Amino acid sequence: MPTVFLSYSRTDLPLIEQLEAQLKSHSEIAIWRDQEKIYGEQKWPKVLGEAIAD
């Protein structure tokens, strides 16, 4: 399954939310977005690096 890594500026949040909604309509595409994949006390640079490597 292809994965789309969404990297964006917070000022573009409305646009990224629209894009994510459109991508979610395709069940064959996995989506990685920070607000849905990074939680509380996780070290975000490490989590982002792992996501990009995958």
Protein backbone atom coordinates (compact mmCIF):
# COMPACT_ATOMS: atom_id res chain seq x y z
CA MET A 1 0.00 0.00 0.00
CA PRO A 2 1.45 3.41 -0.90
CA THR A 3 1.87 5.88 1.95
CA VAL A 4 1.56 9.66 1.63
CA PHE A 5 3.59 11.64 4.19
CA LEU A 6 1.94 15.03 4.66
CA SER A 7 4.48 17.73 5.48
CA TYR A 8 3.11 21.24 5.80
CA SER A 9 3.18 24.63 7.48
CA ARG A 10 0.49 25.26 10.11
CA THR A 11 -0.64 28.25 8.04
CA ASP A 12 -1.64 25.73 5.35
CA LEU A 13 -3.74 23.62 7.74
CA PRO A 14 -7.10 24.24 5.98
CA LEU A 15 -5.59 23.15 2.66
CA ILE A 16 -3.93 20.06 4.15
CA GLU A 17 -7.20 19.04 5.80
CA GLN A 18 -8.94 19.18 2.41
CA LEU A 19 -6.16 17.18 0.77
CA GLU A 20 -6.22 14.60 3.55
CA ALA A 21 -10.00 14.19 3.21
CA GLN A 22 -9.64 13.59 -0.53
CA LEU A 23 -6.83 11.08 -0.02
CA LYS A 24 -8.84 9.21 2.63
CA SER A 25 -11.51 8.52 0.02
CA HIS A 26 -9.00 6.15 -1.62
CA SER A 27 -8.74 3.12 0.64
CA GLU A 28 -5.56 1.96 -1.09
CA ILE A 29 -3.59 4.98 0.18
CA ALA A 30 -2.19 5.17 3.72
CA ILE A 31 -1.73 8.68 5.13
CA TRP A 32 0.85 9.81 7.69
CA ARG A 33 0.19 13.18 9.31
CA ASP A 34 1.80 14.48 12.48
CA GLN A 35 -1.41 15.43 14.28
CA GLU A 36 -2.70 11.89 13.96
CA LYS A 37 0.57 10.01 14.56
CA ILE A 38 2.53 11.93 17.22
CA TYR A 39 1.22 11.76 20.77
CA GLY A 40 1.97 13.56 24.03
CA GLU A 41 5.42 12.71 25.27
CA GLN A 42 6.86 11.19 22.11
CA LYS A 43 10.04 12.75 20.79
CA TRP A 44 8.73 14.19 17.54
CA PRO A 45 12.08 14.42 15.65
CA LYS A 46 12.60 10.67 16.22
CA VAL A 47 9.00 9.82 15.24
CA LEU A 48 9.22 11.94 12.07
CA GLY A 49 12.54 10.36 11.10
CA GLU A 50 11.11 6.87 11.52
CA ALA A 51 8.01 7.77 9.49
CA ILE A 52 10.08 9.14 6.63
CA ALA A 53 12.38 6.10 6.68
CA ASP A 54 9.40 3.74 6.45
